[in-house]
C-alpha atoms as a PDB file:
ATOM      1  CA  MET A   1     -36.434  29.033 -24.964  1.00  0.00           C
ATOM      2  CA  GLY A   2     -37.071  31.645 -27.189  1.00  0.00           C
ATOM      3  CA  THR A   3     -35.748  34.902 -28.865  1.00  0.00           C
ATOM      4  CA  LEU A   4     -32.367  36.626 -27.594  1.00  0.00           C
ATOM      5  CA  VAL A   5     -30.343  39.425 -28.515  1.00  0.00           C
ATOM      6  CA  ASN A   6     -26.359  39.999 -28.055  1.00  0.00           C
ATOM      7  CA  LEU A   7     -26.296  43.350 -28.850  1.00  0.00           C
ATOM      8  CA  ASN A   8     -22.231  44.188 -28.474  1.00  0.00           C
ATOM      9  CA  GLY A   9     -21.768  41.089 -26.720  1.00  0.00           C
ATOM     10  CA  ARG A  10     -24.878  41.763 -24.115  1.00  0.00           C
ATOM     11  CA  LEU A  11     -27.471  39.368 -24.267  1.00  0.00           C
ATOM     12  CA  VAL A  12     -30.396  40.843 -23.195  1.00  0.00           C
ATOM     13  CA  PRO A  13     -34.065  39.836 -24.134  1.00  0.00           C
ATOM     14  CA  PRO A  14     -35.514  41.269 -27.130  1.00  0.00           C
ATOM     15  CA  GLU A  15     -37.564  44.449 -25.255  1.00  0.00           C
ATOM     16  CA  GLU A  16     -33.948  45.482 -24.110  1.00  0.00           C
ATOM     17  CA  ALA A  17     -32.160  45.563 -27.135  1.00  0.00           C
ATOM     18  CA  VAL A  18     -32.516  49.377 -27.954  1.00  0.00           C
ATOM     19  CA  VAL A  19     -30.525  50.480 -30.655  1.00  0.00           C
ATOM     20  CA  SER A  20     -29.553  54.922 -30.536  1.00  0.00           C
ATOM     21  CA  VAL A  21     -32.084  56.644 -33.355  1.00  0.00           C
ATOM     22  CA  PHE A  22     -28.575  57.935 -33.915  1.00  0.00           C
ATOM     23  CA  ASP A  23     -27.634  54.533 -35.872  1.00  0.00           C
ATOM     24  CA  ARG A  24     -26.476  54.903 -39.346  1.00  0.00           C
ATOM     25  CA  GLY A  25     -28.289  51.222 -39.672  1.00  0.00           C
ATOM     26  CA  PHE A  26     -31.032  52.831 -38.220  1.00  0.00           C
ATOM     27  CA  LEU A  27     -30.679  56.678 -40.532  1.00  0.00           C
ATOM     28  CA  TYR A  28     -29.710  55.691 -43.624  1.00  0.00           C
ATOM     29  CA  GLY A  29     -29.445  51.605 -44.129  1.00  0.00           C
ATOM     30  CA  ASP A  30     -25.624  51.982 -43.134  1.00  0.00           C
ATOM     31  CA  SER A  31     -24.910  48.167 -42.360  1.00  0.00           C
ATOM     32  CA  VAL A  32     -24.410  45.211 -43.332  1.00  0.00           C
ATOM     33  CA  TYR A  33     -25.901  41.973 -42.260  1.00  0.00           C
ATOM     34  CA  GLU A  34     -26.108  37.651 -42.338  1.00  0.00           C
ATOM     35  CA  VAL A  35     -29.424  35.519 -42.313  1.00  0.00           C
ATOM     36  CA  VAL A  36     -28.055  31.687 -40.860  1.00  0.00           C
ATOM     37  CA  ARG A  37     -30.260  28.753 -40.057  1.00  0.00           C
ATOM     38  CA  THR A  38     -28.845  26.001 -37.858  1.00  0.00           C
ATOM     39  CA  TYR A  39     -29.587  22.039 -38.347  1.00  0.00           C
ATOM     40  CA  GLY A  40     -29.233  19.722 -35.179  1.00  0.00           C
ATOM     41  CA  GLY A  41     -28.905  23.176 -33.348  1.00  0.00           C
ATOM     42  CA  ARG A  42     -25.846  23.972 -35.301  1.00  0.00           C
ATOM     43  CA  PRO A  43     -25.011  27.159 -37.370  1.00  0.00           C
ATOM     44  CA  PHE A  44     -24.847  26.042 -41.191  1.00  0.00           C
ATOM     45  CA  ALA A  45     -22.282  27.204 -43.491  1.00  0.00           C
ATOM     46  CA  MET A  46     -21.083  29.950 -41.055  1.00  0.00           C
ATOM     47  CA  ASP A  47     -17.229  30.105 -42.816  1.00  0.00           C
ATOM     48  CA  ARG A  48     -19.389  31.135 -46.430  1.00  0.00           C
ATOM     49  CA  HIS A  49     -21.706  33.490 -44.215  1.00  0.00           C
ATOM     50  CA  LEU A  50     -18.829  35.575 -42.811  1.00  0.00           C
ATOM     51  CA  ALA A  51     -16.882  36.126 -45.136  1.00  0.00           C
ATOM     52  CA  ARG A  52     -19.846  37.375 -46.896  1.00  0.00           C
ATOM     53  CA  LEU A  53     -20.227  39.547 -44.233  1.00  0.00           C
ATOM     54  CA  ASN A  54     -16.784  40.838 -44.388  1.00  0.00           C
ATOM     55  CA  GLY A  55     -16.858  41.308 -48.082  1.00  0.00           C
ATOM     56  CA  SER A  56     -20.206  42.956 -48.027  1.00  0.00           C
ATOM     57  CA  ALA A  57     -18.641  45.664 -45.283  1.00  0.00           C
ATOM     58  CA  GLU A  58     -15.491  46.147 -47.560  1.00  0.00           C
ATOM     59  CA  ARG A  59     -17.380  46.996 -50.487  1.00  0.00           C
ATOM     60  CA  ILE A  60     -18.901  50.131 -48.410  1.00  0.00           C
ATOM     61  CA  GLY A  61     -15.859  50.876 -47.182  1.00  0.00           C
ATOM     62  CA  MET A  62     -16.730  49.737 -43.028  1.00  0.00           C
ATOM     63  CA  GLU A  63     -14.603  48.337 -41.022  1.00  0.00           C
ATOM     64  CA  LEU A  64     -15.913  45.232 -38.934  1.00  0.00           C
ATOM     65  CA  PRO A  65     -15.279  46.021 -35.340  1.00  0.00           C
ATOM     66  CA  TRP A  66     -15.132  42.230 -34.476  1.00  0.00           C
ATOM     67  CA  SER A  67     -13.361  39.860 -35.842  1.00  0.00           C
ATOM     68  CA  GLY A  68     -14.958  36.683 -37.292  1.00  0.00           C
ATOM     69  CA  GLU A  69     -13.892  34.807 -34.777  1.00  0.00           C
ATOM     70  CA  ARG A  70     -15.483  37.050 -32.083  1.00  0.00           C
ATOM     71  CA  ILE A  71     -18.692  37.152 -35.024  1.00  0.00           C
ATOM     72  CA  LEU A  72     -18.730  33.077 -34.510  1.00  0.00           C
ATOM     73  CA  ALA A  73     -18.105  32.688 -30.346  1.00  0.00           C
ATOM     74  CA  GLU A  74     -20.991  34.922 -29.826  1.00  0.00           C
ATOM     75  CA  VAL A  75     -23.405  33.282 -32.137  1.00  0.00           C
ATOM     76  CA  GLU A  76     -22.192  30.026 -30.950  1.00  0.00           C
ATOM     77  CA  ARG A  77     -23.034  31.460 -26.670  1.00  0.00           C
ATOM     78  CA  THR A  78     -26.320  32.816 -28.106  1.00  0.00           C
ATOM     79  CA  LEU A  79     -27.416  29.981 -29.101  1.00  0.00           C
ATOM     80  CA  ALA A  80     -26.470  28.224 -26.640  1.00  0.00           C
ATOM     81  CA  ALA A  81     -28.889  30.378 -24.454  1.00  0.00           C
ATOM     82  CA  ALA A  82     -31.624  31.011 -25.980  1.00  0.00           C
ATOM     83  CA  GLY A  83     -31.814  26.933 -26.575  1.00  0.00           C
ATOM     84  CA  ASN A  84     -33.856  26.662 -29.548  1.00  0.00           C
ATOM     85  CA  GLU A  85     -34.379  23.301 -31.239  1.00  0.00           C
ATOM     86  CA  GLU A  86     -33.738  25.252 -34.550  1.00  0.00           C
ATOM     87  CA  SER A  87     -32.562  28.592 -35.126  1.00  0.00           C
ATOM     88  CA  TYR A  88     -32.899  31.694 -37.015  1.00  0.00           C
ATOM     89  CA  ILE A  89     -29.759  33.991 -36.715  1.00  0.00           C
ATOM     90  CA  ARG A  90     -29.119  37.587 -37.683  1.00  0.00           C
ATOM     91  CA  ILE A  91     -25.872  38.959 -37.818  1.00  0.00           C
ATOM     92  CA  VAL A  92     -25.949  43.071 -38.433  1.00  0.00           C
ATOM     93  CA  ALA A  93     -23.027  45.225 -37.818  1.00  0.00           C
ATOM     94  CA  THR A  94     -23.368  49.186 -38.556  1.00  0.00           C
ATOM     95  CA  ARG A  95     -21.284  52.258 -39.309  1.00  0.00           C
ATOM     96  CA  GLY A  96     -22.149  53.346 -35.617  1.00  0.00           C
ATOM     97  CA  SER A  97     -24.031  56.184 -34.265  1.00  0.00           C
ATOM     98  CA  GLY A  98     -22.839  60.021 -34.337  1.00  0.00           C
ATOM     99  CA  PRO A  99     -24.113  63.694 -35.618  1.00  0.00           C
ATOM    100  CA  ILE A 100     -26.849  62.954 -38.166  1.00  0.00           C
ATOM    101  CA  GLY A 101     -25.336  63.481 -41.564  1.00  0.00           C
ATOM    102  CA  LEU A 102     -24.300  61.264 -44.328  1.00  0.00           C
ATOM    103  CA  ASP A 103     -20.619  61.484 -43.994  1.00  0.00           C
ATOM    104  CA  THR A 104     -19.297  58.383 -43.390  1.00  0.00           C
ATOM    105  CA  SER A 105     -16.484  60.296 -40.707  1.00  0.00           C
ATOM    106  CA  LEU A 106     -18.777  61.078 -38.172  1.00  0.00           C
ATOM    107  CA  ALA A 107     -20.087  57.277 -37.405  1.00  0.00           C
ATOM    108  CA  VAL A 108     -18.538  56.643 -33.688  1.00  0.00           C
ATOM    109  CA  ASP A 109     -18.955  53.298 -31.537  1.00  0.00           C
ATOM    110  CA  PRO A 110     -20.084  50.824 -34.405  1.00  0.00           C
ATOM    111  CA  LEU A 111     -22.597  48.320 -33.466  1.00  0.00           C
ATOM    112  CA  VAL A 112     -22.797  44.227 -34.121  1.00  0.00           C
ATOM    113  CA  LEU A 113     -25.828  42.264 -33.027  1.00  0.00           C
ATOM    114  CA  VAL A 114     -26.925  39.240 -33.194  1.00  0.00           C
ATOM    115  CA  ILE A 115     -30.538  38.324 -33.067  1.00  0.00           C
ATOM    116  CA  VAL A 116     -31.491  34.510 -31.809  1.00  0.00           C
ATOM    117  CA  GLN A 117     -34.828  33.299 -32.723  1.00  0.00           C
ATOM    118  CA  PRO A 118     -36.706  30.519 -32.971  1.00  0.00           C
ATOM    119  CA  ILE A 119     -36.770  29.657 -36.574  1.00  0.00           C
ATOM    120  CA  HIS A 120     -40.133  29.923 -39.123  1.00  0.00           C
ATOM    121  CA  LEU A 121     -39.969  28.107 -41.904  1.00  0.00           C
ATOM    122  CA  PRO A 122     -42.822  28.416 -44.798  1.00  0.00           C
ATOM    123  CA  PRO A 123     -45.873  25.576 -44.553  1.00  0.00           C
ATOM    124  CA  ARG A 124     -45.285  22.207 -45.809  1.00  0.00           C
ATOM    125  CA  GLU A 125     -47.350  22.722 -48.579  1.00  0.00           C
ATOM    126  CA  ALA A 126     -45.118  25.395 -50.048  1.00  0.00           C
ATOM    127  CA  TYR A 127     -42.497  23.056 -50.409  1.00  0.00           C
ATOM    128  CA  GLU A 128     -45.367  20.311 -51.647  1.00  0.00           C
ATOM    129  CA  GLN A 129     -47.284  21.587 -53.774  1.00  0.00           C
ATOM    130  CA  GLY A 130     -45.248  25.057 -54.787  1.00  0.00           C
ATOM    131  CA  VAL A 131     -45.347  28.379 -54.889  1.00  0.00           C
ATOM    132  CA  LYS A 132     -46.382  31.367 -57.300  1.00  0.00           C
ATOM    133  CA  VAL A 133     -43.904  34.037 -58.282  1.00  0.00           C
ATOM    134  CA  GLN A 134     -44.488  37.410 -59.720  1.00  0.00           C
ATOM    135  CA  LEU A 135     -42.734  39.623 -62.294  1.00  0.00           C
ATOM    136  CA  VAL A 136     -42.930  42.483 -60.883  1.00  0.00           C
ATOM    137  CA  GLY A 137     -42.141  46.475 -62.498  1.00  0.00           C
ATOM    138  CA  VAL A 138     -39.729  47.489 -59.404  1.00  0.00           C
ATOM    139  CA  ARG A 139     -36.292  46.576 -61.638  1.00  0.00           C
ATOM    140  CA  LYS A 140     -33.208  45.762 -59.652  1.00  0.00           C
ATOM    141  CA  ASN A 141     -30.628  48.643 -58.067  1.00  0.00           C
ATOM    142  CA  LEU A 142     -27.910  49.174 -61.202  1.00  0.00           C
ATOM    143  CA  ARG A 143     -24.993  47.792 -60.252  1.00  0.00           C
ATOM    144  CA  GLU A 144     -23.101  51.440 -60.759  1.00  0.00           C
ATOM    145  CA  ALA A 145     -25.207  52.853 -57.805  1.00  0.00           C
ATOM    146  CA  ILE A 146     -25.212  49.846 -55.449  1.00  0.00           C
ATOM    147  CA  ASP A 147     -23.128  47.023 -55.539  1.00  0.00           C
ATOM    148  CA  PRO A 148     -25.208  44.057 -55.071  1.00  0.00           C
ATOM    149  CA  ARG A 149     -22.783  41.397 -54.214  1.00  0.00           C
ATOM    150  CA  ALA A 150     -22.465  43.676 -50.945  1.00  0.00           C
ATOM    151  CA  LYS A 151     -25.871  42.403 -48.023  1.00  0.00           C
ATOM    152  CA  THR A 152     -26.737  45.901 -46.839  1.00  0.00           C
ATOM    153  CA  GLY A 153     -29.650  46.768 -44.946  1.00  0.00           C
ATOM    154  CA  ASN A 154     -30.223  49.222 -47.572  1.00  0.00           C
ATOM    155  CA  TYR A 155     -33.457  46.972 -48.861  1.00  0.00           C
ATOM    156  CA  LEU A 156     -36.419  49.268 -49.858  1.00  0.00           C
ATOM    157  CA  ASN A 157     -36.278  48.598 -53.052  1.00  0.00           C
ATOM    158  CA  ASN A 158     -36.573  45.035 -52.177  1.00  0.00           C
ATOM    159  CA  VAL A 159     -39.295  45.722 -49.999  1.00  0.00           C
ATOM    160  CA  LEU A 160     -41.322  46.984 -52.836  1.00  0.00           C
ATOM    161  CA  ALA A 161     -41.452  44.463 -55.042  1.00  0.00           C
ATOM    162  CA  LEU A 162     -42.393  41.814 -52.474  1.00  0.00           C
ATOM    163  CA  ARG A 163     -44.822  44.190 -51.829  1.00  0.00           C
ATOM    164  CA  GLU A 164     -46.459  44.421 -55.421  1.00  0.00           C
ATOM    165  CA  ALA A 165     -45.813  40.470 -55.912  1.00  0.00           C
ATOM    166  CA  LYS A 166     -48.047  40.143 -52.520  1.00  0.00           C
ATOM    167  CA  ALA A 167     -50.885  42.500 -54.097  1.00  0.00           C
ATOM    168  CA  HIS A 168     -51.138  39.918 -56.773  1.00  0.00           C
ATOM    169  CA  GLY A 169     -51.520  37.112 -54.457  1.00  0.00           C
ATOM    170  CA  ALA A 170     -47.379  35.774 -55.065  1.00  0.00           C
ATOM    171  CA  TYR A 171     -45.070  34.323 -52.951  1.00  0.00           C
ATOM    172  CA  GLU A 172     -42.374  36.268 -53.936  1.00  0.00           C
ATOM    173  CA  ALA A 173     -41.022  38.738 -56.430  1.00  0.00           C
ATOM    174  CA  LEU A 174     -38.875  38.564 -59.066  1.00  0.00           C
ATOM    175  CA  MET A 175     -36.811  41.552 -60.233  1.00  0.00           C
ATOM    176  CA  LEU A 176     -35.630  42.575 -63.803  1.00  0.00           C
ATOM    177  CA  ASP A 177     -32.696  44.489 -64.608  1.00  0.00           C
ATOM    178  CA  THR A 178     -32.950  47.315 -67.121  1.00  0.00           C
ATOM    179  CA  GLU A 179     -32.490  45.671 -70.040  1.00  0.00           C
ATOM    180  CA  GLY A 180     -35.282  43.354 -69.266  1.00  0.00           C
ATOM    181  CA  ARG A 181     -33.235  39.896 -67.583  1.00  0.00           C
ATOM    182  CA  ILE A 182     -34.531  38.397 -64.909  1.00  0.00           C
ATOM    183  CA  THR A 183     -32.241  39.020 -61.413  1.00  0.00           C
ATOM    184  CA  GLU A 184     -33.401  37.557 -58.906  1.00  0.00           C
ATOM    185  CA  GLY A 185     -35.995  37.661 -56.224  1.00  0.00           C
ATOM    186  CA  SER A 186     -36.213  40.226 -53.227  1.00  0.00           C
ATOM    187  CA  THR A 187     -35.172  37.833 -51.037  1.00  0.00           C
ATOM    188  CA  SER A 188     -33.964  34.897 -52.967  1.00  0.00           C
ATOM    189  CA  ASN A 189     -32.320  33.368 -55.922  1.00  0.00           C
ATOM    190  CA  LEU A 190     -34.087  31.547 -58.884  1.00  0.00           C
ATOM    191  CA  PHE A 191     -33.170  28.345 -60.879  1.00  0.00           C
ATOM    192  CA  VAL A 192     -35.172  27.300 -63.752  1.00  0.00           C
ATOM    193  CA  VAL A 193     -34.486  23.437 -64.910  1.00  0.00           C
ATOM    194  CA  LYS A 194     -34.294  22.562 -69.036  1.00  0.00           C
ATOM    195  CA  ASP A 195     -33.580  19.324 -69.774  1.00  0.00           C
ATOM    196  CA  GLY A 196     -32.094  18.255 -67.171  1.00  0.00           C
ATOM    197  CA  ARG A 197     -30.032  21.057 -67.095  1.00  0.00           C
ATOM    198  CA  LEU A 198     -30.257  23.798 -63.722  1.00  0.00           C
ATOM    199  CA  ILE A 199     -29.625  27.447 -65.301  1.00  0.00           C
ATOM    200  CA  THR A 200     -29.431  30.657 -62.893  1.00  0.00           C
ATOM    201  CA  PRO A 201     -28.451  34.163 -64.054  1.00  0.00           C
ATOM    202  CA  PRO A 202     -24.786  35.034 -63.572  1.00  0.00           C
ATOM    203  CA  SER A 203     -23.565  37.481 -61.296  1.00  0.00           C
ATOM    204  CA  ALA A 204     -23.191  39.787 -63.931  1.00  0.00           C
ATOM    205  CA  VAL A 205     -26.481  40.997 -64.071  1.00  0.00           C
ATOM    206  CA  GLY A 206     -26.390  42.217 -60.566  1.00  0.00           C
ATOM    207  CA  ILE A 207     -27.228  39.865 -57.591  1.00  0.00           C
ATOM    208  CA  LEU A 208     -26.566  38.842 -54.279  1.00  0.00           C
ATOM    209  CA  GLU A 209     -24.238  35.625 -54.364  1.00  0.00           C
ATOM    210  CA  GLY A 210     -26.327  33.577 -52.513  1.00  0.00           C
ATOM    211  CA  VAL A 211     -24.941  30.603 -49.624  1.00  0.00           C
ATOM    212  CA  THR A 212     -27.293  28.729 -50.809  1.00  0.00           C
ATOM    213  CA  ARG A 213     -27.181  29.158 -54.845  1.00  0.00           C
ATOM    214  CA  ALA A 214     -23.295  28.431 -54.599  1.00  0.00           C
ATOM    215  CA  VAL A 215     -23.715  24.761 -52.451  1.00  0.00           C
ATOM    216  CA  LEU A 216     -26.322  23.801 -54.982  1.00  0.00           C
ATOM    217  CA  PHE A 217     -23.670  23.888 -57.184  1.00  0.00           C
ATOM    218  CA  GLU A 218     -21.352  21.843 -55.101  1.00  0.00           C
ATOM    219  CA  VAL A 219     -24.422  19.728 -54.691  1.00  0.00           C
ATOM    220  CA  ALA A 220     -24.966  19.426 -58.409  1.00  0.00           C
ATOM    221  CA  LYS A 221     -22.019  18.583 -59.050  1.00  0.00           C
ATOM    222  CA  GLU A 222     -21.517  15.653 -56.669  1.00  0.00           C
ATOM    223  CA  GLN A 223     -24.720  14.314 -58.142  1.00  0.00           C
ATOM    224  CA  GLY A 224     -24.306  14.503 -62.038  1.00  0.00           C
ATOM    225  CA  ILE A 225     -26.484  17.420 -62.758  1.00  0.00           C
ATOM    226  CA  PRO A 226     -25.001  20.117 -65.268  1.00  0.00           C
ATOM    227  CA  VAL A 227     -25.121  23.706 -63.825  1.00  0.00           C
ATOM    228  CA  GLU A 228     -24.766  26.481 -66.106  1.00  0.00           C
ATOM    229  CA  GLU A 229     -24.937  30.470 -65.212  1.00  0.00           C
ATOM    230  CA  ARG A 230     -26.477  32.624 -68.399  1.00  0.00           C
ATOM    231  CA  ASP A 231     -29.072  35.506 -68.627  1.00  0.00           C
ATOM    232  CA  VAL A 232     -32.640  34.508 -68.025  1.00  0.00           C
ATOM    233  CA  ARG A 233     -35.313  36.214 -69.226  1.00  0.00           C
ATOM    234  CA  PRO A 234     -39.376  36.011 -68.554  1.00  0.00           C
ATOM    235  CA  ALA A 235     -39.491  33.737 -72.018  1.00  0.00           C
ATOM    236  CA  ASP A 236     -37.031  31.488 -70.770  1.00  0.00           C
ATOM    237  CA  LEU A 237     -38.865  31.329 -67.090  1.00  0.00           C
ATOM    238  CA  LEU A 238     -42.353  30.873 -68.699  1.00  0.00           C
ATOM    239  CA  ALA A 239     -40.977  27.688 -71.303  1.00  0.00           C
ATOM    240  CA  ALA A 240     -38.762  26.321 -67.941  1.00  0.00           C
ATOM    241  CA  ASP A 241     -39.280  22.223 -67.556  1.00  0.00           C
ATOM    242  CA  GLU A 242     -39.061  23.184 -63.671  1.00  0.00           C
ATOM    243  CA  ALA A 243     -37.874  26.008 -61.443  1.00  0.00           C
ATOM    244  CA  MET A 244     -36.938  26.959 -58.027  1.00  0.00           C
ATOM    245  CA  ILE A 245     -36.101  29.757 -55.669  1.00  0.00           C
ATOM    246  CA  THR A 246     -33.519  29.967 -52.772  1.00  0.00           C
ATOM    247  CA  SER A 247     -32.432  30.602 -49.748  1.00  0.00           C
ATOM    248  CA  SER A 248     -30.794  30.287 -46.198  1.00  0.00           C
ATOM    249  CA  VAL A 249     -33.545  30.222 -44.407  1.00  0.00           C
ATOM    250  CA  ARG A 250     -36.267  28.157 -46.715  1.00  0.00           C
ATOM    251  CA  GLU A 251     -33.362  26.222 -48.428  1.00  0.00           C
ATOM    252  CA  ILE A 252     -35.316  25.415 -51.933  1.00  0.00           C
ATOM    253  CA  LEU A 253     -38.722  25.903 -52.818  1.00  0.00           C
ATOM    254  CA  PRO A 254     -40.441  24.516 -56.241  1.00  0.00           C
ATOM    255  CA  VAL A 255     -41.525  27.457 -58.091  1.00  0.00           C
ATOM    256  CA  VAL A 256     -45.221  26.463 -60.303  1.00  0.00           C
ATOM    257  CA  ARG A 257     -46.702  29.221 -61.396  1.00  0.00           C
ATOM    258  CA  VAL A 258     -45.435  32.811 -62.672  1.00  0.00           C
ATOM    259  CA  GLY A 259     -47.645  35.987 -63.213  1.00  0.00           C
ATOM    260  CA  VAL A 260     -46.878  38.342 -65.957  1.00  0.00           C
ATOM    261  CA  ASN A 261     -48.442  41.853 -65.428  1.00  0.00           C
ATOM    262  CA  GLY A 262     -52.242  40.152 -64.368  1.00  0.00           C
ATOM    263  CA  ASP A 263     -51.920  37.310 -66.392  1.00  0.00           C
ATOM    264  CA  GLU A 264     -50.351  33.962 -64.480  1.00  0.00           C
ATOM    265  CA  TYR A 265     -49.647  31.024 -65.790  1.00  0.00           C
ATOM    266  CA  PRO A 266     -47.847  27.194 -65.121  1.00  0.00           C
ATOM    267  CA  ILE A 267     -44.173  26.348 -64.854  1.00  0.00           C
ATOM    268  CA  GLY A 268     -44.200  22.813 -66.759  1.00  0.00           C
ATOM    269  CA  ALA A 269     -46.763  20.508 -65.271  1.00  0.00           C
ATOM    270  CA  GLY A 270     -47.855  23.473 -62.869  1.00  0.00           C
ATOM    271  CA  ALA A 271     -47.030  21.282 -60.101  1.00  0.00           C
ATOM    272  CA  PRO A 272     -42.886  20.051 -58.152  1.00  0.00           C
ATOM    273  CA  GLY A 273     -40.997  18.574 -60.663  1.00  0.00           C
ATOM    274  CA  PRO A 274     -38.540  15.912 -59.885  1.00  0.00           C
ATOM    275  CA  MET A 275     -35.483  17.672 -60.866  1.00  0.00           C
ATOM    276  CA  VAL A 276     -35.963  20.102 -57.780  1.00  0.00           C
ATOM    277  CA  ARG A 277     -37.169  16.948 -55.397  1.00  0.00           C
ATOM    278  CA  ARG A 278     -33.490  15.480 -56.529  1.00  0.00           C
ATOM    279  CA  ILE A 279     -31.882  18.824 -55.861  1.00  0.00           C
ATOM    280  CA  THR A 280     -34.178  19.323 -52.403  1.00  0.00           C
ATOM    281  CA  ASP A 281     -33.639  15.909 -50.983  1.00  0.00           C
ATOM    282  CA  ALA A 282     -29.114  16.108 -52.162  1.00  0.00           C
ATOM    283  CA  PHE A 283     -29.058  19.454 -50.264  1.00  0.00           C
ATOM    284  CA  ARG A 284     -30.445  18.557 -46.997  1.00  0.00           C
ATOM    285  CA  ALA A 285     -28.445  15.951 -46.860  1.00  0.00           C
ATOM    286  CA  TRP A 286     -25.223  17.838 -48.052  1.00  0.00           C
ATOM    287  CA  ALA A 287     -26.395  20.231 -45.196  1.00  0.00           C
ATOM    288  CA  ARG A 288     -26.583  18.382 -42.204  1.00  0.00           C
ATOM    289  CA  ARG A 289     -23.258  16.559 -43.171  1.00  0.00           C
ATOM    290  CA  SER A 290     -21.681  20.020 -43.303  1.00  0.00           C
ATOM    291  CA  VAL A 291     -22.413  20.214 -39.893  1.00  0.00           C
ATOM    292  CA  GLY A 292     -21.356  16.886 -38.597  1.00  0.00           C
ATOM    293  CA  LEU A 293     -24.841  15.186 -38.569  1.00  0.00           C
ATOM    294  CA  ALA A 294     -25.999  11.687 -40.338  1.00  0.00           C
ATOM    295  CA  ASP A 295     -27.938  11.550 -42.981  1.00  0.00           C
END
């Protein structure tokens, strides 16, 4: 058991997974990717992840060298060979290698790789006690510059946002847009709870539409919990009854504190609340059912 890489269809250990220094994913972030986790060893929401991967490629004018069926088959082959109880899966497609230059017509030999490794989750206390997030000065990329719906290897502003948050002792960064609205975390979507409703920033502010975020809409509907997409500003977060961040690997993490400049404020009672616990339990049951496992 351990880490295994599928490099253009060839299974290799990580030390043999070699990519050209002329690959455009390395040189320019000219790539798209998805992160998937397993439940019971089975990949979760692969149809949604593959649809988003294809959409990301279309948005940057890249043609994926493999079909969705081929990607799924290679993921399952790599999972079986890795033999982990539960896995983190990263699917990456780059435009390829070629002469150095920004012109995409220079790219040849597109690359697809699948990385499978044992899943590493946040510590138990993060779920039981909640985490701190930081409102950072690094702003979200303009929608007119880079389409936020494309999950690409161009991730530098997210890297810098998280670096700033960590410097303030926070678990995650929350980035604002140029109008001062909260968009998303560096690797997560944000939900706040107010008066029994789930509220999350809309796509229009420039977010990556997370797979877990989309599933939560369906889970909340099953649970009879109203969900509202609307602008969320720092004052809304500070006034929330509860808050949480969501992502494919971490599922749902309660947010109990928020850092603003040099200050720190509790969210609600400063501890994970009943709505976050309820939606977390419902999401996990939904995820297990979706891969054919009993609750």
